[in-house]
Amino acid sequence: MTYGLGAYKKTSIHTASKEQILLMLYQAAIKNCKKAIEAIERNDVAKKGELIGKMQDIILELNNSLDFKVGGEIAEELSSLYDFILYSSTQANIKVEKEPLEGCLSVLHTLYEAWQKAVKSLKEK
């Protein structure tokens, strides 16, 4: 069963558009952030660190994919938001506090919703 789901996920990633992959990355970052908050609530320090690390890997990937020549001011703003998420999640990891992650989650939700609208408007053209 797990193999089937894993194969499905692999296939969906390989056949996804760049826009769909972007949305998938945000979904994964949100999921890991939520699970890290839950791990802190359970006092599962090891799991918290693992989940924050996964979220940070995604954010670093998103940040590294920014094109400042094409994106200009928007890319600069996104980079600042990614820096905020990385800093806040590091603080949450060090202090074992969920509040900084709740701030990250809020930013991630806002960005995801904005990208969702942008992708939808692209498809309508």
PDB file of N, CA and C in Angstrom:
ATOM      1  N   MET A   1       0.829  -1.198   0.000  1.00  0.00           N
ATOM      2  CA  MET A   1       0.000   0.000   0.000  1.00  0.00           C
ATOM      3  C   MET A   1       0.869   1.254   0.000  1.00  0.00           C
ATOM      4  N   THR A   2       1.851   1.285   0.871  1.00  0.00           N
ATOM      5  CA  THR A   2       2.732   2.442   0.928  1.00  0.00           C
ATOM      6  C   THR A   2       3.459   2.625  -0.405  1.00  0.00           C
ATOM      7  N   TYR A   3       3.866   1.516  -1.006  1.00  0.00           N
ATOM      8  CA  TYR A   3       4.553   1.588  -2.290  1.00  0.00           C
ATOM      9  C   TYR A   3       3.669   2.266  -3.329  1.00  0.00           C
ATOM     10  N   GLY A   4       2.404   1.894  -3.374  1.00  0.00           N
ATOM     11  CA  GLY A   4       1.472   2.473  -4.340  1.00  0.00           C
ATOM     12  C   GLY A   4       1.340   3.975  -4.165  1.00  0.00           C
ATOM     13  N   LEU A   5       1.218   4.418  -2.917  1.00  0.00           N
ATOM     14  CA  LEU A   5       1.106   5.841  -2.639  1.00  0.00           C
ATOM     15  C   LEU A   5       2.401   6.551  -3.007  1.00  0.00           C
ATOM     16  N   GLY A   6       3.535   5.955  -2.667  1.00  0.00           N
ATOM     17  CA  GLY A   6       4.832   6.554  -3.010  1.00  0.00           C
ATOM     18  C   GLY A   6       5.014   6.674  -4.508  1.00  0.00           C
ATOM     19  N   ALA A   7       4.632   5.632  -5.231  1.00  0.00           N
ATOM     20  CA  ALA A   7       4.738   5.652  -6.696  1.00  0.00           C
ATOM     21  C   ALA A   7       3.815   6.711  -7.279  1.00  0.00           C
ATOM     22  N   TYR A   8       2.618   6.832  -6.716  1.00  0.00           N
ATOM     23  CA  TYR A   8       1.663   7.840  -7.170  1.00  0.00           C
ATOM     24  C   TYR A   8       2.241   9.239  -6.958  1.00  0.00           C
ATOM     25  N   LYS A   9       2.809   9.472  -5.754  1.00  0.00           N
ATOM     26  CA  LYS A   9       3.390  10.778  -5.460  1.00  0.00           C
ATOM     27  C   LYS A   9       4.529  11.093  -6.414  1.00  0.00           C
ATOM     28  N   LYS A  10       5.409  10.111  -6.659  1.00  0.00           N
ATOM     29  CA  LYS A  10       6.521  10.312  -7.584  1.00  0.00           C
ATOM     30  C   LYS A  10       6.019  10.672  -8.969  1.00  0.00           C
ATOM     31  N   THR A  11       5.023   9.945  -9.453  1.00  0.00           N
ATOM     32  CA  THR A  11       4.466  10.200 -10.772  1.00  0.00           C
ATOM     33  C   THR A  11       3.834  11.582 -10.828  1.00  0.00           C
ATOM     34  N   SER A  12       3.098  11.956  -9.784  1.00  0.00           N
ATOM     35  CA  SER A  12       2.437  13.257  -9.794  1.00  0.00           C
ATOM     36  C   SER A  12       3.465  14.389  -9.789  1.00  0.00           C
ATOM     37  N   ILE A  13       4.588  14.192  -9.122  1.00  0.00           N
ATOM     38  CA  ILE A  13       5.636  15.212  -9.104  1.00  0.00           C
ATOM     39  C   ILE A  13       6.307  15.303 -10.472  1.00  0.00           C
ATOM     40  N   HIS A  14       6.591  14.152 -11.078  1.00  0.00           N
ATOM     41  CA  HIS A  14       7.262  14.152 -12.379  1.00  0.00           C
ATOM     42  C   HIS A  14       6.396  14.719 -13.487  1.00  0.00           C
ATOM     43  N   THR A  15       5.077  14.646 -13.342  1.00  0.00           N
ATOM     44  CA  THR A  15       4.182  15.123 -14.390  1.00  0.00           C
ATOM     45  C   THR A  15       3.587  16.504 -14.072  1.00  0.00           C
ATOM     46  N   ALA A  16       3.947  17.070 -12.937  1.00  0.00           N
ATOM     47  CA  ALA A  16       3.386  18.352 -12.514  1.00  0.00           C
ATOM     48  C   ALA A  16       4.056  19.520 -13.239  1.00  0.00           C
ATOM     49  N   SER A  17       3.287  20.573 -13.424  1.00  0.00           N
ATOM     50  CA  SER A  17       3.843  21.806 -13.992  1.00  0.00           C
ATOM     51  C   SER A  17       4.663  22.515 -12.917  1.00  0.00           C
ATOM     52  N   LYS A  18       5.437  23.509 -13.327  1.00  0.00           N
ATOM     53  CA  LYS A  18       6.219  24.280 -12.360  1.00  0.00           C
ATOM     54  C   LYS A  18       5.310  24.927 -11.324  1.00  0.00           C
ATOM     55  N   GLU A  19       4.153  25.398 -11.779  1.00  0.00           N
ATOM     56  CA  GLU A  19       3.211  26.037 -10.865  1.00  0.00           C
ATOM     57  C   GLU A  19       2.675  25.039  -9.845  1.00  0.00           C
ATOM     58  N   GLN A  20       2.358  23.824 -10.310  1.00  0.00           N
ATOM     59  CA  GLN A  20       1.852  22.793  -9.394  1.00  0.00           C
ATOM     60  C   GLN A  20       2.931  22.392  -8.385  1.00  0.00           C
ATOM     61  N   ILE A  21       4.169  22.298  -8.839  1.00  0.00           N
ATOM     62  CA  ILE A  21       5.275  21.951  -7.939  1.00  0.00           C
ATOM     63  C   ILE A  21       5.442  23.037  -6.873  1.00  0.00           C
ATOM     64  N   LEU A  22       5.337  24.290  -7.276  1.00  0.00           N
ATOM     65  CA  LEU A  22       5.427  25.392  -6.323  1.00  0.00           C
ATOM     66  C   LEU A  22       4.355  25.250  -5.239  1.00  0.00           C
ATOM     67  N   LEU A  23       3.127  24.974  -5.660  1.00  0.00           N
ATOM     68  CA  LEU A  23       2.036  24.803  -4.698  1.00  0.00           C
ATOM     69  C   LEU A  23       2.272  23.587  -3.808  1.00  0.00           C
ATOM     70  N   MET A  24       2.807  22.502  -4.378  1.00  0.00           N
ATOM     71  CA  MET A  24       3.121  21.302  -3.590  1.00  0.00           C
ATOM     72  C   MET A  24       4.184  21.608  -2.535  1.00  0.00           C
ATOM     73  N   LEU A  25       5.164  22.413  -2.890  1.00  0.00           N
ATOM     74  CA  LEU A  25       6.212  22.777  -1.932  1.00  0.00           C
ATOM     75  C   LEU A  25       5.623  23.568  -0.764  1.00  0.00           C
ATOM     76  N   TYR A  26       4.750  24.519  -1.087  1.00  0.00           N
ATOM     77  CA  TYR A  26       4.098  25.276  -0.014  1.00  0.00           C
ATOM     78  C   TYR A  26       3.246  24.362   0.864  1.00  0.00           C
ATOM     79  N   GLN A  27       2.502  23.438   0.245  1.00  0.00           N
ATOM     80  CA  GLN A  27       1.680  22.503   1.013  1.00  0.00           C
ATOM     81  C   GLN A  27       2.546  21.675   1.965  1.00  0.00           C
ATOM     82  N   ALA A  28       3.688  21.224   1.476  1.00  0.00           N
ATOM     83  CA  ALA A  28       4.593  20.420   2.308  1.00  0.00           C
ATOM     84  C   ALA A  28       5.183  21.260   3.443  1.00  0.00           C
ATOM     85  N   ALA A  29       5.534  22.501   3.159  1.00  0.00           N
ATOM     86  CA  ALA A  29       6.075  23.376   4.209  1.00  0.00           C
ATOM     87  C   ALA A  29       5.020  23.627   5.284  1.00  0.00           C
ATOM     88  N   ILE A  30       3.783  23.874   4.859  1.00  0.00           N
ATOM     89  CA  ILE A  30       2.681  24.089   5.806  1.00  0.00           C
ATOM     90  C   ILE A  30       2.456  22.843   6.658  1.00  0.00           C
ATOM     91  N   LYS A  31       2.436  21.685   6.007  1.00  0.00           N
ATOM     92  CA  LYS A  31       2.221  20.414   6.724  1.00  0.00           C
ATOM     93  C   LYS A  31       3.320  20.192   7.768  1.00  0.00           C
ATOM     94  N   ASN A  32       4.578  20.397   7.384  1.00  0.00           N
ATOM     95  CA  ASN A  32       5.684  20.191   8.321  1.00  0.00           C
ATOM     96  C   ASN A  32       5.646  21.203   9.460  1.00  0.00           C
ATOM     97  N   CYS A  33       5.248  22.426   9.161  1.00  0.00           N
ATOM     98  CA  CYS A  33       5.143  23.450  10.199  1.00  0.00           C
ATOM     99  C   CYS A  33       4.063  23.069  11.213  1.00  0.00           C
ATOM    100  N   LYS A  34       2.897  22.649  10.716  1.00  0.00           N
ATOM    101  CA  LYS A  34       1.805  22.231  11.610  1.00  0.00           C
ATOM    102  C   LYS A  34       2.237  21.046  12.475  1.00  0.00           C
ATOM    103  N   LYS A  35       2.892  20.076  11.854  1.00  0.00           N
ATOM    104  CA  LYS A  35       3.329  18.887  12.602  1.00  0.00           C
ATOM    105  C   LYS A  35       4.407  19.252  13.633  1.00  0.00           C
ATOM    106  N   ALA A  36       5.254  20.231  13.317  1.00  0.00           N
ATOM    107  CA  ALA A  36       6.275  20.677  14.281  1.00  0.00           C
ATOM    108  C   ALA A  36       5.613  21.335  15.489  1.00  0.00           C
ATOM    109  N   ILE A  37       4.552  22.112  15.238  1.00  0.00           N
ATOM    110  CA  ILE A  37       3.801  22.726  16.345  1.00  0.00           C
ATOM    111  C   ILE A  37       3.211  21.622  17.226  1.00  0.00           C
ATOM    112  N   GLU A  38       2.632  20.609  16.595  1.00  0.00           N
ATOM    113  CA  GLU A  38       2.067  19.479  17.350  1.00  0.00           C
ATOM    114  C   GLU A  38       3.153  18.744  18.140  1.00  0.00           C
ATOM    115  N   ALA A  39       4.334  18.594  17.550  1.00  0.00           N
ATOM    116  CA  ALA A  39       5.440  17.920  18.240  1.00  0.00           C
ATOM    117  C   ALA A  39       5.864  18.709  19.476  1.00  0.00           C
ATOM    118  N   ILE A  40       5.879  20.036  19.365  1.00  0.00           N
ATOM    119  CA  ILE A  40       6.216  20.869  20.527  1.00  0.00           C
ATOM    120  C   ILE A  40       5.157  20.687  21.613  1.00  0.00           C
ATOM    121  N   GLU A  41       3.884  20.656  21.198  1.00  0.00           N
ATOM    122  CA  GLU A  41       2.798  20.472  22.167  1.00  0.00           C
ATOM    123  C   GLU A  41       2.914  19.125  22.884  1.00  0.00           C
ATOM    124  N   ARG A  42       3.446  18.104  22.194  1.00  0.00           N
ATOM    125  CA  ARG A  42       3.644  16.774  22.796  1.00  0.00           C
ATOM    126  C   ARG A  42       4.993  16.671  23.511  1.00  0.00           C
ATOM    127  N   ASN A  43       5.785  17.720  23.412  1.00  0.00           N
ATOM    128  CA  ASN A  43       7.133  17.750  23.975  1.00  0.00           C
ATOM    129  C   ASN A  43       8.040  16.706  23.315  1.00  0.00           C
ATOM    130  N   ASP A  44       7.815  16.458  22.033  1.00  0.00           N
ATOM    131  CA  ASP A  44       8.636  15.532  21.250  1.00  0.00           C
ATOM    132  C   ASP A  44       9.724  16.350  20.547  1.00  0.00           C
ATOM    133  N   VAL A  45      10.797  16.590  21.274  1.00  0.00           N
ATOM    134  CA  VAL A  45      11.855  17.490  20.823  1.00  0.00           C
ATOM    135  C   VAL A  45      12.550  16.972  19.559  1.00  0.00           C
ATOM    136  N   ALA A  46      12.799  15.686  19.501  1.00  0.00           N
ATOM    137  CA  ALA A  46      13.491  15.120  18.331  1.00  0.00           C
ATOM    138  C   ALA A  46      12.647  15.285  17.067  1.00  0.00           C
ATOM    139  N   LYS A  47      11.360  14.975  17.163  1.00  0.00           N
ATOM    140  CA  LYS A  47      10.462  15.076  16.005  1.00  0.00           C
ATOM    141  C   LYS A  47      10.320  16.538  15.578  1.00  0.00           C
ATOM    142  N   LYS A  48      10.241  17.438  16.562  1.00  0.00           N
ATOM    143  CA  LYS A  48      10.142  18.875  16.280  1.00  0.00           C
ATOM    144  C   LYS A  48      11.313  19.317  15.425  1.00  0.00           C
ATOM    145  N   GLY A  49      12.517  18.916  15.819  1.00  0.00           N
ATOM    146  CA  GLY A  49      13.718  19.301  15.079  1.00  0.00           C
ATOM    147  C   GLY A  49      13.717  18.750  13.663  1.00  0.00           C
ATOM    148  N   GLU A  50      13.281  17.511  13.517  1.00  0.00           N
ATOM    149  CA  GLU A  50      13.221  16.871  12.198  1.00  0.00           C
ATOM    150  C   GLU A  50      12.234  17.610  11.277  1.00  0.00           C
ATOM    151  N   LEU A  51      11.065  17.924  11.808  1.00  0.00           N
ATOM    152  CA  LEU A  51      10.025  18.585  11.014  1.00  0.00           C
ATOM    153  C   LEU A  51      10.403  20.020  10.652  1.00  0.00           C
ATOM    154  N   ILE A  52      10.997  20.731  11.589  1.00  0.00           N
ATOM    155  CA  ILE A  52      11.453  22.098  11.295  1.00  0.00           C
ATOM    156  C   ILE A  52      12.543  22.042  10.225  1.00  0.00           C
ATOM    157  N   GLY A  53      13.426  21.053  10.325  1.00  0.00           N
ATOM    158  CA  GLY A  53      14.477  20.889   9.311  1.00  0.00           C
ATOM    159  C   GLY A  53      13.904  20.664   7.924  1.00  0.00           C
ATOM    160  N   LYS A  54      12.863  19.839   7.825  1.00  0.00           N
ATOM    161  CA  LYS A  54      12.218  19.588   6.533  1.00  0.00           C
ATOM    162  C   LYS A  54      11.595  20.877   5.982  1.00  0.00           C
ATOM    163  N   MET A  55      10.910  21.611   6.867  1.00  0.00           N
ATOM    164  CA  MET A  55      10.294  22.866   6.439  1.00  0.00           C
ATOM    165  C   MET A  55      11.369  23.851   5.962  1.00  0.00           C
ATOM    166  N   GLN A  56      12.457  23.945   6.701  1.00  0.00           N
ATOM    167  CA  GLN A  56      13.532  24.868   6.329  1.00  0.00           C
ATOM    168  C   GLN A  56      14.176  24.467   5.002  1.00  0.00           C
ATOM    169  N   ASP A  57      14.311  23.176   4.751  1.00  0.00           N
ATOM    170  CA  ASP A  57      14.849  22.717   3.461  1.00  0.00           C
ATOM    171  C   ASP A  57      13.972  23.207   2.307  1.00  0.00           C
ATOM    172  N   ILE A  58      12.664  23.128   2.494  1.00  0.00           N
ATOM    173  CA  ILE A  58      11.735  23.583   1.454  1.00  0.00           C
ATOM    174  C   ILE A  58      11.862  25.084   1.256  1.00  0.00           C
ATOM    175  N   ILE A  59      11.915  25.825   2.345  1.00  0.00           N
ATOM    176  CA  ILE A  59      12.022  27.287   2.264  1.00  0.00           C
ATOM    177  C   ILE A  59      13.334  27.680   1.590  1.00  0.00           C
ATOM    178  N   LEU A  60      14.416  26.987   1.934  1.00  0.00           N
ATOM    179  CA  LEU A  60      15.704  27.273   1.279  1.00  0.00           C
ATOM    180  C   LEU A  60      15.619  27.007  -0.224  1.00  0.00           C
ATOM    181  N   GLU A  61      14.948  25.937  -0.599  1.00  0.00           N
ATOM    182  CA  GLU A  61      14.766  25.613  -2.016  1.00  0.00           C
ATOM    183  C   GLU A  61      13.954  26.701  -2.714  1.00  0.00           C
ATOM    184  N   LEU A  62      12.891  27.150  -2.088  1.00  0.00           N
ATOM    185  CA  LEU A  62      12.080  28.232  -2.661  1.00  0.00           C
ATOM    186  C   LEU A  62      12.909  29.508  -2.796  1.00  0.00           C
ATOM    187  N   ASN A  63      13.677  29.809  -1.767  1.00  0.00           N
ATOM    188  CA  ASN A  63      14.516  31.020  -1.787  1.00  0.00           C
ATOM    189  C   ASN A  63      15.578  30.926  -2.886  1.00  0.00           C
ATOM    190  N   ASN A  64      16.193  29.758  -3.018  1.00  0.00           N
ATOM    191  CA  ASN A  64      17.244  29.578  -4.025  1.00  0.00           C
ATOM    192  C   ASN A  64      16.702  29.620  -5.445  1.00  0.00           C
ATOM    193  N   SER A  65      15.408  29.383  -5.608  1.00  0.00           N
ATOM    194  CA  SER A  65      14.817  29.375  -6.946  1.00  0.00           C
ATOM    195  C   SER A  65      14.364  30.765  -7.396  1.00  0.00           C
ATOM    196  N   LEU A  66      14.460  31.752  -6.512  1.00  0.00           N
ATOM    197  CA  LEU A  66      14.037  33.106  -6.886  1.00  0.00           C
ATOM    198  C   LEU A  66      14.944  33.669  -7.972  1.00  0.00           C
ATOM    199  N   ASP A  67      14.334  34.340  -8.940  1.00  0.00           N
ATOM    200  CA  ASP A  67      15.069  35.009 -10.016  1.00  0.00           C
ATOM    201  C   ASP A  67      14.908  36.512  -9.807  1.00  0.00           C
ATOM    202  N   PHE A  68      15.948  37.140  -9.260  1.00  0.00           N
ATOM    203  CA  PHE A  68      15.859  38.551  -8.903  1.00  0.00           C
ATOM    204  C   PHE A  68      15.849  39.460 -10.129  1.00  0.00           C
ATOM    205  N   LYS A  69      16.408  38.998 -11.248  1.00  0.00           N
ATOM    206  CA  LYS A  69      16.379  39.793 -12.481  1.00  0.00           C
ATOM    207  C   LYS A  69      14.970  39.883 -13.033  1.00  0.00           C
ATOM    208  N   VAL A  70      14.277  38.748 -13.053  1.00  0.00           N
ATOM    209  CA  VAL A  70      12.915  38.704 -13.584  1.00  0.00           C
ATOM    210  C   VAL A  70      11.913  39.167 -12.531  1.00  0.00           C
ATOM    211  N   GLY A  71      12.087  38.703 -11.299  1.00  0.00           N
ATOM    212  CA  GLY A  71      11.114  38.969 -10.231  1.00  0.00           C
ATOM    213  C   GLY A  71      11.214  40.329  -9.596  1.00  0.00           C
ATOM    214  N   GLY A  72      12.392  40.941  -9.675  1.00  0.00           N
ATOM    215  CA  GLY A  72      12.590  42.283  -9.131  1.00  0.00           C
ATOM    216  C   GLY A  72      12.150  42.423  -7.690  1.00  0.00           C
ATOM    217  N   GLU A  73      11.274  43.407  -7.463  1.00  0.00           N
ATOM    218  CA  GLU A  73      10.826  43.745  -6.115  1.00  0.00           C
ATOM    219  C   GLU A  73      10.054  42.593  -5.458  1.00  0.00           C
ATOM    220  N   ILE A  74       9.279  41.873  -6.246  1.00  0.00           N
ATOM    221  CA  ILE A  74       8.517  40.744  -5.696  1.00  0.00           C
ATOM    222  C   ILE A  74       9.476  39.669  -5.180  1.00  0.00           C
ATOM    223  N   ALA A  75      10.521  39.370  -5.938  1.00  0.00           N
ATOM    224  CA  ALA A  75      11.510  38.384  -5.507  1.00  0.00           C
ATOM    225  C   ALA A  75      12.198  38.845  -4.220  1.00  0.00           C
ATOM    226  N   GLU A  76      12.479  40.142  -4.136  1.00  0.00           N
ATOM    227  CA  GLU A  76      13.108  40.694  -2.918  1.00  0.00           C
ATOM    228  C   GLU A  76      12.186  40.510  -1.707  1.00  0.00           C
ATOM    229  N   GLU A  77      10.896  40.794  -1.897  1.00  0.00           N
ATOM    230  CA  GLU A  77       9.926  40.645  -0.811  1.00  0.00           C
ATOM    231  C   GLU A  77       9.796  39.184  -0.384  1.00  0.00           C
ATOM    232  N   LEU A  78       9.727  38.286  -1.372  1.00  0.00           N
ATOM    233  CA  LEU A  78       9.639  36.861  -1.056  1.00  0.00           C
ATOM    234  C   LEU A  78      10.873  36.401  -0.291  1.00  0.00           C
ATOM    235  N   SER A  79      12.037  36.860  -0.716  1.00  0.00           N
ATOM    236  CA  SER A  79      13.276  36.491  -0.035  1.00  0.00           C
ATOM    237  C   SER A  79      13.251  36.953   1.421  1.00  0.00           C
ATOM    238  N   SER A  80      12.736  38.156   1.652  1.00  0.00           N
ATOM    239  CA  SER A  80      12.625  38.670   3.027  1.00  0.00           C
ATOM    240  C   SER A  80      11.674  37.815   3.860  1.00  0.00           C
ATOM    241  N   LEU A  81      10.565  37.405   3.256  1.00  0.00           N
ATOM    242  CA  LEU A  81       9.612  36.548   3.970  1.00  0.00           C
ATOM    243  C   LEU A  81      10.222  35.177   4.263  1.00  0.00           C
ATOM    244  N   TYR A  82      10.957  34.648   3.313  1.00  0.00           N
ATOM    245  CA  TYR A  82      11.631  33.355   3.534  1.00  0.00           C
ATOM    246  C   TYR A  82      12.666  33.481   4.647  1.00  0.00           C
ATOM    247  N   ASP A  83      13.396  34.604   4.665  1.00  0.00           N
ATOM    248  CA  ASP A  83      14.370  34.840   5.741  1.00  0.00           C
ATOM    249  C   ASP A  83      13.673  34.888   7.101  1.00  0.00           C
ATOM    250  N   PHE A  84      12.506  35.545   7.139  1.00  0.00           N
ATOM    251  CA  PHE A  84      11.720  35.618   8.373  1.00  0.00           C
ATOM    252  C   PHE A  84      11.329  34.211   8.835  1.00  0.00           C
ATOM    253  N   ILE A  85      10.860  33.385   7.891  1.00  0.00           N
ATOM    254  CA  ILE A  85      10.444  32.019   8.229  1.00  0.00           C
ATOM    255  C   ILE A  85      11.631  31.218   8.753  1.00  0.00           C
ATOM    256  N   LEU A  86      12.778  31.346   8.094  1.00  0.00           N
ATOM    257  CA  LEU A  86      13.970  30.602   8.532  1.00  0.00           C
ATOM    258  C   LEU A  86      14.414  31.050   9.923  1.00  0.00           C
ATOM    259  N   TYR A  87      14.424  32.364  10.157  1.00  0.00           N
ATOM    260  CA  TYR A  87      14.836  32.882  11.463  1.00  0.00           C
ATOM    261  C   TYR A  87      13.853  32.433  12.554  1.00  0.00           C
ATOM    262  N   SER A  88      12.558  32.627  12.289  1.00  0.00           N
ATOM    263  CA  SER A  88      11.541  32.287  13.290  1.00  0.00           C
ATOM    264  C   SER A  88      11.533  30.797  13.607  1.00  0.00           C
ATOM    265  N   SER A  89      11.661  29.975  12.574  1.00  0.00           N
ATOM    266  CA  SER A  89      11.642  28.531  12.815  1.00  0.00           C
ATOM    267  C   SER A  89      12.893  28.082  13.559  1.00  0.00           C
ATOM    268  N   THR A  90      14.011  28.748  13.323  1.00  0.00           N
ATOM    269  CA  THR A  90      15.236  28.444  14.070  1.00  0.00           C
ATOM    270  C   THR A  90      15.046  28.797  15.544  1.00  0.00           C
ATOM    271  N   GLN A  91      14.413  29.952  15.795  1.00  0.00           N
ATOM    272  CA  GLN A  91      14.134  30.352  17.181  1.00  0.00           C
ATOM    273  C   GLN A  91      13.207  29.352  17.859  1.00  0.00           C
ATOM    274  N   ALA A  92      12.184  28.896  17.126  1.00  0.00           N
ATOM    275  CA  ALA A  92      11.255  27.897  17.673  1.00  0.00           C
ATOM    276  C   ALA A  92      11.990  26.612  18.005  1.00  0.00           C
ATOM    277  N   ASN A  93      12.924  26.249  17.142  1.00  0.00           N
ATOM    278  CA  ASN A  93      13.684  25.015  17.340  1.00  0.00           C
ATOM    279  C   ASN A  93      14.588  25.123  18.570  1.00  0.00           C
ATOM    280  N   ILE A  94      15.267  26.245  18.696  1.00  0.00           N
ATOM    281  CA  ILE A  94      16.197  26.447  19.812  1.00  0.00           C
ATOM    282  C   ILE A  94      15.454  26.565  21.144  1.00  0.00           C
ATOM    283  N   LYS A  95      14.401  27.371  21.156  1.00  0.00           N
ATOM    284  CA  LYS A  95      13.677  27.663  22.401  1.00  0.00           C
ATOM    285  C   LYS A  95      12.567  26.657  22.711  1.00  0.00           C
ATOM    286  N   VAL A  96      12.291  25.767  21.765  1.00  0.00           N
ATOM    287  CA  VAL A  96      11.197  24.793  21.881  1.00  0.00           C
ATOM    288  C   VAL A  96       9.885  25.531  22.217  1.00  0.00           C
ATOM    289  N   GLU A  97       9.580  26.513  21.364  1.00  0.00           N
ATOM    290  CA  GLU A  97       8.360  27.312  21.521  1.00  0.00           C
ATOM    291  C   GLU A  97       7.583  27.274  20.211  1.00  0.00           C
ATOM    292  N   LYS A  98       6.275  27.151  20.312  1.00  0.00           N
ATOM    293  CA  LYS A  98       5.455  27.053  19.105  1.00  0.00           C
ATOM    294  C   LYS A  98       5.067  28.412  18.519  1.00  0.00           C
ATOM    295  N   GLU A  99       5.122  29.491  19.293  1.00  0.00           N
ATOM    296  CA  GLU A  99       4.679  30.801  18.819  1.00  0.00           C
ATOM    297  C   GLU A  99       5.412  31.253  17.547  1.00  0.00           C
ATOM    298  N   PRO A 100       6.749  31.116  17.495  1.00  0.00           N
ATOM    299  CA  PRO A 100       7.413  31.523  16.244  1.00  0.00           C
ATOM    300  C   PRO A 100       6.934  30.703  15.036  1.00  0.00           C
ATOM    301  N   LEU A 101       6.618  29.438  15.255  1.00  0.00           N
ATOM    302  CA  LEU A 101       6.118  28.594  14.163  1.00  0.00           C
ATOM    303  C   LEU A 101       4.717  29.017  13.737  1.00  0.00           C
ATOM    304  N   GLU A 102       3.928  29.501  14.686  1.00  0.00           N
ATOM    305  CA  GLU A 102       2.591  29.986  14.342  1.00  0.00           C
ATOM    306  C   GLU A 102       2.699  31.201  13.416  1.00  0.00           C
ATOM    307  N   GLY A 103       3.712  32.040  13.635  1.00  0.00           N
ATOM    308  CA  GLY A 103       3.974  33.171  12.737  1.00  0.00           C
ATOM    309  C   GLY A 103       4.384  32.678  11.359  1.00  0.00           C
ATOM    310  N   CYS A 104       5.225  31.656  11.320  1.00  0.00           N
ATOM    311  CA  CYS A 104       5.651  31.048  10.048  1.00  0.00           C
ATOM    312  C   CYS A 104       4.440  30.493   9.303  1.00  0.00           C
ATOM    313  N   LEU A 105       3.582  29.814  10.029  1.00  0.00           N
ATOM    314  CA  LEU A 105       2.398  29.197   9.438  1.00  0.00           C
ATOM    315  C   LEU A 105       1.495  30.252   8.809  1.00  0.00           C
ATOM    316  N   SER A 106       1.342  31.353   9.482  1.00  0.00           N
ATOM    317  CA  SER A 106       0.520  32.452   8.971  1.00  0.00           C
ATOM    318  C   SER A 106       1.085  32.987   7.649  1.00  0.00           C
ATOM    319  N   VAL A 107       2.388  33.203   7.606  1.00  0.00           N
ATOM    320  CA  VAL A 107       3.036  33.695   6.384  1.00  0.00           C
ATOM    321  C   VAL A 107       2.913  32.660   5.271  1.00  0.00           C
ATOM    322  N   LEU A 108       3.151  31.395   5.596  1.00  0.00           N
ATOM    323  CA  LEU A 108       3.060  30.331   4.590  1.00  0.00           C
ATOM    324  C   LEU A 108       1.652  30.223   4.008  1.00  0.00           C
ATOM    325  N   HIS A 109       0.633  30.325   4.861  1.00  0.00           N
ATOM    326  CA  HIS A 109      -0.755  30.272   4.379  1.00  0.00           C
ATOM    327  C   HIS A 109      -1.039  31.449   3.441  1.00  0.00           C
ATOM    328  N   THR A 110      -0.603  32.627   3.826  1.00  0.00           N
ATOM    329  CA  THR A 110      -0.822  33.821   3.006  1.00  0.00           C
ATOM    330  C   THR A 110      -0.150  33.669   1.644  1.00  0.00           C
ATOM    331  N   LEU A 111       1.093  33.211   1.641  1.00  0.00           N
ATOM    332  CA  LEU A 111       1.822  33.026   0.382  1.00  0.00           C
ATOM    333  C   LEU A 111       1.174  31.939  -0.472  1.00  0.00           C
ATOM    334  N   TYR A 112       0.775  30.841   0.150  1.00  0.00           N
ATOM    335  CA  TYR A 112       0.138  29.748  -0.583  1.00  0.00           C
ATOM    336  C   TYR A 112      -1.144  30.229  -1.264  1.00  0.00           C
ATOM    337  N   GLU A 113      -1.967  30.954  -0.516  1.00  0.00           N
ATOM    338  CA  GLU A 113      -3.221  31.457  -1.077  1.00  0.00           C
ATOM    339  C   GLU A 113      -2.961  32.418  -2.235  1.00  0.00           C
ATOM    340  N   ALA A 114      -1.950  33.268  -2.088  1.00  0.00           N
ATOM    341  CA  ALA A 114      -1.612  34.210  -3.165  1.00  0.00           C
ATOM    342  C   ALA A 114      -1.133  33.469  -4.410  1.00  0.00           C
ATOM    343  N   TRP A 115      -0.287  32.462  -4.235  1.00  0.00           N
ATOM    344  CA  TRP A 115       0.201  31.680  -5.372  1.00  0.00           C
ATOM    345  C   TRP A 115      -0.940  30.884  -6.008  1.00  0.00           C
ATOM    346  N   GLN A 116      -1.839  30.384  -5.184  1.00  0.00           N
ATOM    347  CA  GLN A 116      -2.992  29.640  -5.709  1.00  0.00           C
ATOM    348  C   GLN A 116      -3.809  30.528  -6.650  1.00  0.00           C
ATOM    349  N   LYS A 117      -4.064  31.760  -6.226  1.00  0.00           N
ATOM    350  CA  LYS A 117      -4.818  32.714  -7.052  1.00  0.00           C
ATOM    351  C   LYS A 117      -4.055  33.040  -8.326  1.00  0.00           C
ATOM    352  N   ALA A 118      -2.742  33.222  -8.199  1.00  0.00           N
ATOM    353  CA  ALA A 118      -1.920  33.558  -9.371  1.00  0.00           C
ATOM    354  C   ALA A 118      -1.934  32.412 -10.385  1.00  0.00           C
ATOM    355  N   VAL A 119      -1.807  31.192  -9.906  1.00  0.00           N
ATOM    356  CA  VAL A 119      -1.813  30.019 -10.791  1.00  0.00           C
ATOM    357  C   VAL A 119      -3.177  29.887 -11.457  1.00  0.00           C
ATOM    358  N   LYS A 120      -4.224  30.103 -10.687  1.00  0.00           N
ATOM    359  CA  LYS A 120      -5.586  30.013 -11.235  1.00  0.00           C
ATOM    360  C   LYS A 120      -5.789  31.072 -12.336  1.00  0.00           C
ATOM    361  N   SER A 121      -5.329  32.280 -12.106  1.00  0.00           N
ATOM    362  CA  SER A 121      -5.499  33.331 -13.113  1.00  0.00           C
ATOM    363  C   SER A 121      -4.655  33.051 -14.351  1.00  0.00           C
ATOM    364  N   LEU A 122      -3.512  32.378 -14.189  1.00  0.00           N
ATOM    365  CA  LEU A 122      -2.697  31.977 -15.335  1.00  0.00           C
ATOM    366  C   LEU A 122      -3.429  30.975 -16.203  1.00  0.00           C
ATOM    367  N   LYS A 123      -4.091  30.031 -15.541  1.00  0.00           N
ATOM    368  CA  LYS A 123      -4.810  28.976 -16.266  1.00  0.00           C
ATOM    369  C   LYS A 123      -6.012  29.540 -17.018  1.00  0.00           C
ATOM    370  N   GLU A 124      -6.585  30.628 -16.503  1.00  0.00           N
ATOM    371  CA  GLU A 124      -7.772  31.213 -17.124  1.00  0.00           C
ATOM    372  C   GLU A 124      -7.441  32.033 -18.369  1.00  0.00           C
ATOM    373  N   LYS A 125      -6.173  32.345 -18.565  1.00  0.00           N
ATOM    374  CA  LYS A 125      -5.778  33.161 -19.723  1.00  0.00           C
ATOM    375  C   LYS A 125      -5.696  32.348 -20.987  1.00  0.00           C
TER     376      LYS A 125
END
